[in-house]
Amino acid sequence: MTKRIMIFFLAAFFPFTFIAQTSFYSFEECLTKAKDEQKQILMIFTGSDWCKPCIQLKESIIETEKFESFANKNLILFLVDFPYKRKNQLPEIERAHNERIALEYNGEGSFPKAVILDEQGKKIAELFYAKQMKVGEFIDQIKNSINL
């Protein structure tokens, strides 16, 4: 019961928080962790409170136990969020950080957009997400992109 209360609390106050333990909000921190662990980075651009496909990706894939298990073993997750609602606005420093990252990796402003980067920050692949996609299909895309 306590775990459910904690998850509810986190969901209420952090609308698109990854439950996976390898999720970060600083790109520099992600790069350091990726180098240390020799893992690739899965960067996801999202509009956590307005983009329906982003919310579907979160609910149907990212927050599943199967994906979390795979990601914790193989990836460093990095969320680049652009919420719209006033109550969900990010602090100015985080918003500026996300805009800088978006200029480099998501210039066209696609949402959701999932990009795999190597530990140096070089783009390896862009992943495809469709509404009816299953967790296994998304994981297979990742595996094929990073040769797992």
N, C-alpha and C. Protein backbone atom coordinates (compact mmCIF):
# COMPACT_ATOMS: atom_id res chain seq x y z
N MET A 1 0.82 -1.20 0.00
CA MET A 1 0.00 0.00 0.00
C MET A 1 0.87 1.27 0.00
N THR A 2 1.93 1.27 0.77
CA THR A 2 2.81 2.43 0.84
C THR A 2 3.43 2.72 -0.52
N LYS A 3 3.80 1.65 -1.24
CA LYS A 3 4.40 1.82 -2.56
C LYS A 3 3.39 2.49 -3.51
N ARG A 4 2.12 2.09 -3.43
CA ARG A 4 1.09 2.69 -4.29
C ARG A 4 0.90 4.17 -3.97
N ILE A 5 0.95 4.51 -2.72
CA ILE A 5 0.82 5.92 -2.32
C ILE A 5 1.99 6.71 -2.86
N MET A 6 3.20 6.16 -2.77
CA MET A 6 4.39 6.85 -3.27
C MET A 6 4.30 7.03 -4.79
N ILE A 7 3.87 5.99 -5.51
CA ILE A 7 3.74 6.10 -6.96
C ILE A 7 2.68 7.14 -7.31
N PHE A 8 1.56 7.17 -6.58
CA PHE A 8 0.54 8.17 -6.82
C PHE A 8 1.10 9.57 -6.58
N PHE A 9 1.84 9.74 -5.49
CA PHE A 9 2.44 11.04 -5.18
C PHE A 9 3.36 11.48 -6.31
N LEU A 10 4.23 10.58 -6.76
CA LEU A 10 5.15 10.93 -7.85
C LEU A 10 4.39 11.27 -9.13
N ALA A 11 3.38 10.49 -9.45
CA ALA A 11 2.60 10.75 -10.67
C ALA A 11 1.86 12.08 -10.58
N ALA A 12 1.39 12.42 -9.40
CA ALA A 12 0.64 13.67 -9.24
C ALA A 12 1.54 14.90 -9.38
N PHE A 13 2.76 14.81 -8.89
CA PHE A 13 3.63 15.97 -8.88
C PHE A 13 4.68 16.00 -9.97
N PHE A 14 4.90 14.89 -10.63
CA PHE A 14 5.85 14.80 -11.74
C PHE A 14 5.15 14.08 -12.86
N PRO A 15 4.41 14.78 -13.73
CA PRO A 15 3.50 14.16 -14.68
C PRO A 15 4.13 13.19 -15.67
N PHE A 16 5.38 13.24 -15.95
CA PHE A 16 5.95 12.28 -16.91
C PHE A 16 7.29 11.79 -16.38
N THR A 17 7.29 11.34 -15.13
CA THR A 17 8.51 10.83 -14.52
C THR A 17 8.67 9.37 -14.90
N PHE A 18 9.82 9.00 -15.40
CA PHE A 18 10.10 7.59 -15.66
C PHE A 18 10.29 6.91 -14.31
N ILE A 19 9.77 5.71 -14.18
CA ILE A 19 9.97 4.96 -12.96
C ILE A 19 11.33 4.27 -13.01
N ALA A 20 11.84 4.03 -14.20
CA ALA A 20 13.14 3.38 -14.33
C ALA A 20 14.21 4.17 -13.57
N GLN A 21 15.11 3.47 -12.95
CA GLN A 21 16.12 4.10 -12.11
C GLN A 21 17.20 4.81 -12.91
N THR A 22 17.25 4.61 -14.20
CA THR A 22 18.33 5.20 -14.99
C THR A 22 17.87 6.43 -15.76
N SER A 23 16.88 7.11 -15.26
CA SER A 23 16.38 8.30 -15.93
C SER A 23 17.00 9.55 -15.33
N PHE A 24 17.37 10.50 -16.20
CA PHE A 24 18.02 11.72 -15.75
C PHE A 24 17.38 12.94 -16.40
N TYR A 25 17.63 14.10 -15.84
CA TYR A 25 17.12 15.33 -16.40
C TYR A 25 18.24 16.23 -16.92
N SER A 26 19.49 15.87 -16.69
CA SER A 26 20.61 16.64 -17.19
C SER A 26 21.31 15.84 -18.29
N PHE A 27 21.46 16.44 -19.45
CA PHE A 27 22.10 15.75 -20.56
C PHE A 27 23.55 15.41 -20.22
N GLU A 28 24.23 16.31 -19.57
CA GLU A 28 25.61 16.07 -19.18
C GLU A 28 25.72 14.89 -18.23
N GLU A 29 24.77 14.79 -17.31
CA GLU A 29 24.73 13.66 -16.38
C GLU A 29 24.48 12.36 -17.13
N CYS A 30 23.61 12.41 -18.13
CA CYS A 30 23.35 11.22 -18.96
C CYS A 30 24.61 10.77 -19.69
N LEU A 31 25.31 11.71 -20.28
CA LEU A 31 26.53 11.36 -21.01
C LEU A 31 27.57 10.73 -20.08
N THR A 32 27.73 11.29 -18.92
CA THR A 32 28.69 10.74 -17.95
C THR A 32 28.29 9.33 -17.55
N LYS A 33 27.03 9.14 -17.25
CA LYS A 33 26.53 7.82 -16.83
C LYS A 33 26.66 6.82 -17.98
N ALA A 34 26.35 7.24 -19.20
CA ALA A 34 26.46 6.37 -20.36
C ALA A 34 27.90 5.93 -20.58
N LYS A 35 28.83 6.85 -20.42
CA LYS A 35 30.26 6.52 -20.56
C LYS A 35 30.69 5.54 -19.47
N ASP A 36 30.31 5.83 -18.23
CA ASP A 36 30.68 4.97 -17.11
C ASP A 36 30.15 3.56 -17.26
N GLU A 37 28.91 3.44 -17.74
CA GLU A 37 28.26 2.13 -17.84
C GLU A 37 28.34 1.53 -19.24
N GLN A 38 28.95 2.25 -20.17
CA GLN A 38 29.06 1.82 -21.56
C GLN A 38 27.68 1.41 -22.12
N LYS A 39 26.75 2.36 -22.01
CA LYS A 39 25.39 2.16 -22.49
C LYS A 39 25.03 3.29 -23.45
N GLN A 40 24.01 3.04 -24.27
CA GLN A 40 23.47 4.09 -25.12
C GLN A 40 22.39 4.85 -24.34
N ILE A 41 22.08 6.03 -24.85
CA ILE A 41 21.06 6.88 -24.25
C ILE A 41 19.79 6.81 -25.10
N LEU A 42 18.66 6.60 -24.45
CA LEU A 42 17.37 6.71 -25.12
C LEU A 42 16.78 8.05 -24.70
N MET A 43 16.76 9.00 -25.63
CA MET A 43 16.26 10.35 -25.38
C MET A 43 14.84 10.42 -25.94
N ILE A 44 13.91 10.83 -25.10
CA ILE A 44 12.51 10.93 -25.53
C ILE A 44 12.03 12.36 -25.37
N PHE A 45 11.60 12.95 -26.48
CA PHE A 45 11.00 14.28 -26.49
C PHE A 45 9.50 14.10 -26.30
N THR A 46 8.96 14.83 -25.33
CA THR A 46 7.55 14.66 -25.01
C THR A 46 6.89 15.98 -24.63
N GLY A 47 5.62 16.02 -24.85
CA GLY A 47 4.76 17.07 -24.32
C GLY A 47 3.87 16.36 -23.32
N SER A 48 4.34 16.24 -22.10
CA SER A 48 3.74 15.34 -21.11
C SER A 48 2.30 15.63 -20.75
N ASP A 49 1.84 16.86 -20.95
CA ASP A 49 0.47 17.17 -20.54
C ASP A 49 -0.44 17.62 -21.69
N TRP A 50 0.03 17.50 -22.92
CA TRP A 50 -0.80 17.92 -24.04
C TRP A 50 -0.71 16.99 -25.25
N CYS A 51 0.33 16.22 -25.37
CA CYS A 51 0.56 15.38 -26.55
C CYS A 51 0.00 13.98 -26.29
N LYS A 52 -1.13 13.68 -26.91
CA LYS A 52 -1.77 12.37 -26.67
C LYS A 52 -0.87 11.20 -27.05
N PRO A 53 -0.18 11.22 -28.20
CA PRO A 53 0.73 10.11 -28.49
C PRO A 53 1.86 9.98 -27.47
N CYS A 54 2.31 11.11 -26.91
CA CYS A 54 3.36 11.07 -25.88
C CYS A 54 2.83 10.36 -24.63
N ILE A 55 1.63 10.70 -24.24
CA ILE A 55 1.01 10.09 -23.07
C ILE A 55 0.79 8.61 -23.32
N GLN A 56 0.36 8.24 -24.53
CA GLN A 56 0.17 6.83 -24.87
C GLN A 56 1.49 6.07 -24.84
N LEU A 57 2.56 6.67 -25.36
CA LEU A 57 3.88 6.04 -25.33
C LEU A 57 4.29 5.78 -23.88
N LYS A 58 4.10 6.76 -23.05
CA LYS A 58 4.44 6.63 -21.63
C LYS A 58 3.65 5.48 -20.99
N GLU A 59 2.35 5.49 -21.19
CA GLU A 59 1.48 4.51 -20.52
C GLU A 59 1.60 3.11 -21.11
N SER A 60 1.69 2.99 -22.42
CA SER A 60 1.65 1.66 -23.04
C SER A 60 3.02 1.01 -23.20
N ILE A 61 4.09 1.80 -23.09
CA ILE A 61 5.42 1.23 -23.28
C ILE A 61 6.37 1.59 -22.15
N ILE A 62 6.65 2.86 -21.97
CA ILE A 62 7.70 3.31 -21.06
C ILE A 62 7.46 2.87 -19.62
N GLU A 63 6.23 2.93 -19.16
CA GLU A 63 5.94 2.58 -17.76
C GLU A 63 5.65 1.11 -17.54
N THR A 64 5.79 0.29 -18.55
CA THR A 64 5.53 -1.14 -18.36
C THR A 64 6.73 -1.81 -17.69
N GLU A 65 6.44 -2.86 -16.96
CA GLU A 65 7.49 -3.60 -16.27
C GLU A 65 8.49 -4.19 -17.27
N LYS A 66 7.99 -4.68 -18.39
CA LYS A 66 8.88 -5.28 -19.41
C LYS A 66 9.87 -4.25 -19.94
N PHE A 67 9.39 -3.04 -20.26
CA PHE A 67 10.28 -2.02 -20.78
C PHE A 67 11.24 -1.53 -19.71
N GLU A 68 10.75 -1.30 -18.52
CA GLU A 68 11.60 -0.82 -17.44
C GLU A 68 12.74 -1.80 -17.16
N SER A 69 12.43 -3.08 -17.17
CA SER A 69 13.45 -4.10 -16.95
C SER A 69 14.51 -4.05 -18.05
N PHE A 70 14.06 -3.98 -19.29
CA PHE A 70 14.98 -3.90 -20.43
C PHE A 70 15.82 -2.63 -20.36
N ALA A 71 15.17 -1.51 -20.12
CA ALA A 71 15.87 -0.22 -20.10
C ALA A 71 16.89 -0.15 -18.98
N ASN A 72 16.54 -0.63 -17.80
CA ASN A 72 17.47 -0.57 -16.67
C ASN A 72 18.75 -1.36 -16.95
N LYS A 73 18.64 -2.43 -17.72
CA LYS A 73 19.80 -3.25 -18.04
C LYS A 73 20.63 -2.69 -19.19
N ASN A 74 19.98 -1.98 -20.13
CA ASN A 74 20.62 -1.68 -21.40
C ASN A 74 20.76 -0.21 -21.78
N LEU A 75 20.06 0.68 -21.12
CA LEU A 75 19.99 2.07 -21.58
C LEU A 75 20.10 3.06 -20.44
N ILE A 76 20.40 4.28 -20.81
CA ILE A 76 20.25 5.43 -19.93
C ILE A 76 19.07 6.21 -20.52
N LEU A 77 18.02 6.40 -19.75
CA LEU A 77 16.84 7.12 -20.24
C LEU A 77 16.97 8.61 -19.96
N PHE A 78 16.57 9.40 -20.94
CA PHE A 78 16.64 10.85 -20.79
C PHE A 78 15.37 11.48 -21.34
N LEU A 79 14.64 12.14 -20.49
CA LEU A 79 13.39 12.80 -20.81
C LEU A 79 13.64 14.26 -21.16
N VAL A 80 13.09 14.69 -22.29
CA VAL A 80 13.15 16.10 -22.68
C VAL A 80 11.70 16.55 -22.81
N ASP A 81 11.18 17.16 -21.75
CA ASP A 81 9.76 17.46 -21.66
C ASP A 81 9.45 18.91 -21.98
N PHE A 82 8.31 19.10 -22.65
CA PHE A 82 7.81 20.43 -23.00
C PHE A 82 6.34 20.52 -22.61
N PRO A 83 6.05 20.59 -21.30
CA PRO A 83 4.65 20.69 -20.86
C PRO A 83 4.04 22.03 -21.24
N TYR A 84 2.74 22.05 -21.40
CA TYR A 84 2.02 23.25 -21.81
C TYR A 84 1.30 23.92 -20.64
N LYS A 85 0.62 23.12 -19.83
CA LYS A 85 -0.20 23.68 -18.76
C LYS A 85 0.66 24.42 -17.74
N ARG A 86 0.14 25.53 -17.28
CA ARG A 86 0.86 26.38 -16.33
C ARG A 86 1.30 25.62 -15.09
N LYS A 87 0.43 24.77 -14.57
CA LYS A 87 0.75 24.03 -13.35
C LYS A 87 1.90 23.04 -13.54
N ASN A 88 2.19 22.67 -14.78
CA ASN A 88 3.25 21.69 -15.06
C ASN A 88 4.51 22.32 -15.63
N GLN A 89 4.54 23.65 -15.71
CA GLN A 89 5.70 24.31 -16.30
C GLN A 89 6.98 23.99 -15.55
N LEU A 90 8.03 23.82 -16.30
CA LEU A 90 9.34 23.52 -15.74
C LEU A 90 10.01 24.82 -15.29
N PRO A 91 10.95 24.70 -14.36
CA PRO A 91 11.73 25.89 -14.00
C PRO A 91 12.46 26.41 -15.23
N GLU A 92 12.72 27.69 -15.27
CA GLU A 92 13.34 28.33 -16.44
C GLU A 92 14.65 27.66 -16.85
N ILE A 93 15.46 27.29 -15.91
CA ILE A 93 16.75 26.67 -16.24
C ILE A 93 16.56 25.32 -16.94
N GLU A 94 15.57 24.55 -16.48
CA GLU A 94 15.29 23.25 -17.11
C GLU A 94 14.65 23.44 -18.49
N ARG A 95 13.78 24.43 -18.62
CA ARG A 95 13.15 24.73 -19.90
C ARG A 95 14.22 25.15 -20.93
N ALA A 96 15.15 25.99 -20.53
CA ALA A 96 16.22 26.42 -21.43
C ALA A 96 17.11 25.24 -21.81
N HIS A 97 17.40 24.39 -20.85
CA HIS A 97 18.19 23.18 -21.10
C HIS A 97 17.50 22.32 -22.15
N ASN A 98 16.20 22.08 -21.98
CA ASN A 98 15.45 21.24 -22.93
C ASN A 98 15.39 21.87 -24.32
N GLU A 99 15.24 23.18 -24.38
CA GLU A 99 15.22 23.85 -25.69
C GLU A 99 16.56 23.72 -26.40
N ARG A 100 17.65 23.81 -25.66
CA ARG A 100 18.99 23.65 -26.24
C ARG A 100 19.16 22.23 -26.79
N ILE A 101 18.71 21.24 -26.04
CA ILE A 101 18.80 19.84 -26.48
C ILE A 101 17.93 19.62 -27.71
N ALA A 102 16.73 20.21 -27.71
CA ALA A 102 15.81 20.05 -28.84
C ALA A 102 16.39 20.65 -30.12
N LEU A 103 17.06 21.77 -30.02
CA LEU A 103 17.66 22.38 -31.20
C LEU A 103 18.64 21.43 -31.88
N GLU A 104 19.37 20.70 -31.08
CA GLU A 104 20.37 19.79 -31.64
C GLU A 104 19.78 18.46 -32.11
N TYR A 105 18.80 17.91 -31.38
CA TYR A 105 18.33 16.56 -31.66
C TYR A 105 16.90 16.46 -32.17
N ASN A 106 16.16 17.55 -32.13
CA ASN A 106 14.76 17.53 -32.56
C ASN A 106 14.38 18.89 -33.15
N GLY A 107 15.14 19.33 -34.13
CA GLY A 107 14.93 20.63 -34.73
C GLY A 107 13.55 20.82 -35.35
N GLU A 108 12.96 19.72 -35.82
CA GLU A 108 11.64 19.81 -36.43
C GLU A 108 10.51 19.84 -35.41
N GLY A 109 10.81 19.60 -34.15
CA GLY A 109 9.82 19.68 -33.08
C GLY A 109 8.80 18.56 -33.10
N SER A 110 9.22 17.35 -33.37
CA SER A 110 8.32 16.19 -33.39
C SER A 110 8.05 15.68 -31.98
N PHE A 111 6.79 15.28 -31.75
CA PHE A 111 6.38 14.72 -30.46
C PHE A 111 5.45 13.55 -30.70
N PRO A 112 5.63 12.44 -30.03
CA PRO A 112 6.84 12.11 -29.31
C PRO A 112 7.95 11.78 -30.30
N LYS A 113 9.14 11.90 -29.84
CA LYS A 113 10.29 11.52 -30.65
C LYS A 113 11.27 10.80 -29.75
N ALA A 114 11.69 9.62 -30.19
CA ALA A 114 12.65 8.83 -29.43
C ALA A 114 13.92 8.70 -30.27
N VAL A 115 15.04 9.04 -29.67
CA VAL A 115 16.33 9.04 -30.34
C VAL A 115 17.31 8.23 -29.50
N ILE A 116 18.10 7.41 -30.17
CA ILE A 116 19.15 6.68 -29.47
C ILE A 116 20.48 7.36 -29.78
N LEU A 117 21.23 7.63 -28.71
CA LEU A 117 22.54 8.27 -28.82
C LEU A 117 23.61 7.35 -28.24
N ASP A 118 24.82 7.46 -28.77
CA ASP A 118 25.92 6.73 -28.15
C ASP A 118 26.40 7.51 -26.94
N GLU A 119 27.40 6.98 -26.24
CA GLU A 119 27.87 7.62 -25.01
C GLU A 119 28.58 8.95 -25.25
N GLN A 120 28.84 9.28 -26.51
CA GLN A 120 29.44 10.57 -26.86
C GLN A 120 28.36 11.61 -27.22
N GLY A 121 27.11 11.18 -27.31
CA GLY A 121 26.03 12.08 -27.69
C GLY A 121 25.74 12.10 -29.18
N LYS A 122 26.34 11.19 -29.93
CA LYS A 122 26.11 11.10 -31.37
C LYS A 122 24.85 10.27 -31.64
N LYS A 123 24.00 10.81 -32.53
CA LYS A 123 22.74 10.12 -32.84
C LYS A 123 23.03 8.82 -33.59
N ILE A 124 22.49 7.72 -33.07
CA ILE A 124 22.61 6.41 -33.69
C ILE A 124 21.37 6.12 -34.52
N ALA A 125 20.19 6.41 -33.96
CA ALA A 125 18.94 6.06 -34.63
C ALA A 125 17.78 6.87 -34.07
N GLU A 126 16.73 6.97 -34.87
CA GLU A 126 15.45 7.50 -34.41
C GLU A 126 14.48 6.34 -34.42
N LEU A 127 13.67 6.25 -33.38
CA LEU A 127 12.72 5.16 -33.27
C LEU A 127 11.35 5.61 -33.75
N PHE A 128 10.58 4.66 -34.23
CA PHE A 128 9.23 4.90 -34.68
C PHE A 128 8.27 4.47 -33.58
N TYR A 129 7.24 5.26 -33.34
CA TYR A 129 6.20 4.88 -32.39
C TYR A 129 4.84 5.08 -33.05
N ALA A 130 4.00 4.07 -32.96
CA ALA A 130 2.62 4.14 -33.46
C ALA A 130 1.67 3.77 -32.32
N LYS A 131 0.49 4.29 -32.37
CA LYS A 131 -0.50 4.13 -31.31
C LYS A 131 -0.70 2.67 -30.88
N GLN A 132 -0.76 1.75 -31.81
CA GLN A 132 -1.04 0.35 -31.48
C GLN A 132 0.21 -0.48 -31.21
N MET A 133 1.36 0.15 -31.17
CA MET A 133 2.63 -0.58 -31.01
C MET A 133 2.68 -1.28 -29.65
N LYS A 134 3.22 -2.47 -29.68
CA LYS A 134 3.41 -3.27 -28.46
C LYS A 134 4.80 -3.01 -27.89
N VAL A 135 4.95 -3.29 -26.62
CA VAL A 135 6.21 -3.08 -25.93
C VAL A 135 7.34 -3.84 -26.63
N GLY A 136 7.08 -5.10 -26.96
CA GLY A 136 8.10 -5.92 -27.61
C GLY A 136 8.57 -5.34 -28.93
N GLU A 137 7.65 -4.73 -29.68
CA GLU A 137 8.02 -4.12 -30.96
C GLU A 137 8.95 -2.92 -30.75
N PHE A 138 8.65 -2.13 -29.73
CA PHE A 138 9.48 -0.96 -29.42
C PHE A 138 10.87 -1.42 -28.96
N ILE A 139 10.90 -2.43 -28.11
CA ILE A 139 12.17 -2.97 -27.64
C ILE A 139 12.97 -3.55 -28.80
N ASP A 140 12.30 -4.24 -29.72
CA ASP A 140 12.99 -4.80 -30.89
C ASP A 140 13.64 -3.72 -31.72
N GLN A 141 12.96 -2.57 -31.88
CA GLN A 141 13.56 -1.45 -32.61
C GLN A 141 14.86 -0.99 -31.95
N ILE A 142 14.82 -0.93 -30.63
CA ILE A 142 16.00 -0.50 -29.88
C ILE A 142 17.11 -1.53 -30.07
N LYS A 143 16.78 -2.80 -29.89
CA LYS A 143 17.78 -3.86 -30.03
C LYS A 143 18.42 -3.83 -31.42
N ASN A 144 17.62 -3.65 -32.44
CA ASN A 144 18.13 -3.61 -33.81
C ASN A 144 19.02 -2.37 -34.03
N SER A 145 18.69 -1.28 -33.38
CA SER A 145 19.45 -0.04 -33.53
C SER A 145 20.80 -0.08 -32.84
N ILE A 146 20.88 -0.82 -31.74
CA ILE A 146 22.14 -0.86 -30.97
C ILE A 146 22.77 -2.25 -30.98
N ASN A 147 22.28 -3.11 -31.84
CA ASN A 147 22.85 -4.45 -32.03
C ASN A 147 22.89 -5.27 -30.75
N LEU A 148 21.76 -5.36 -30.07
CA LEU A 148 21.66 -6.21 -28.87
C LEU A 148 21.13 -7.57 -29.26
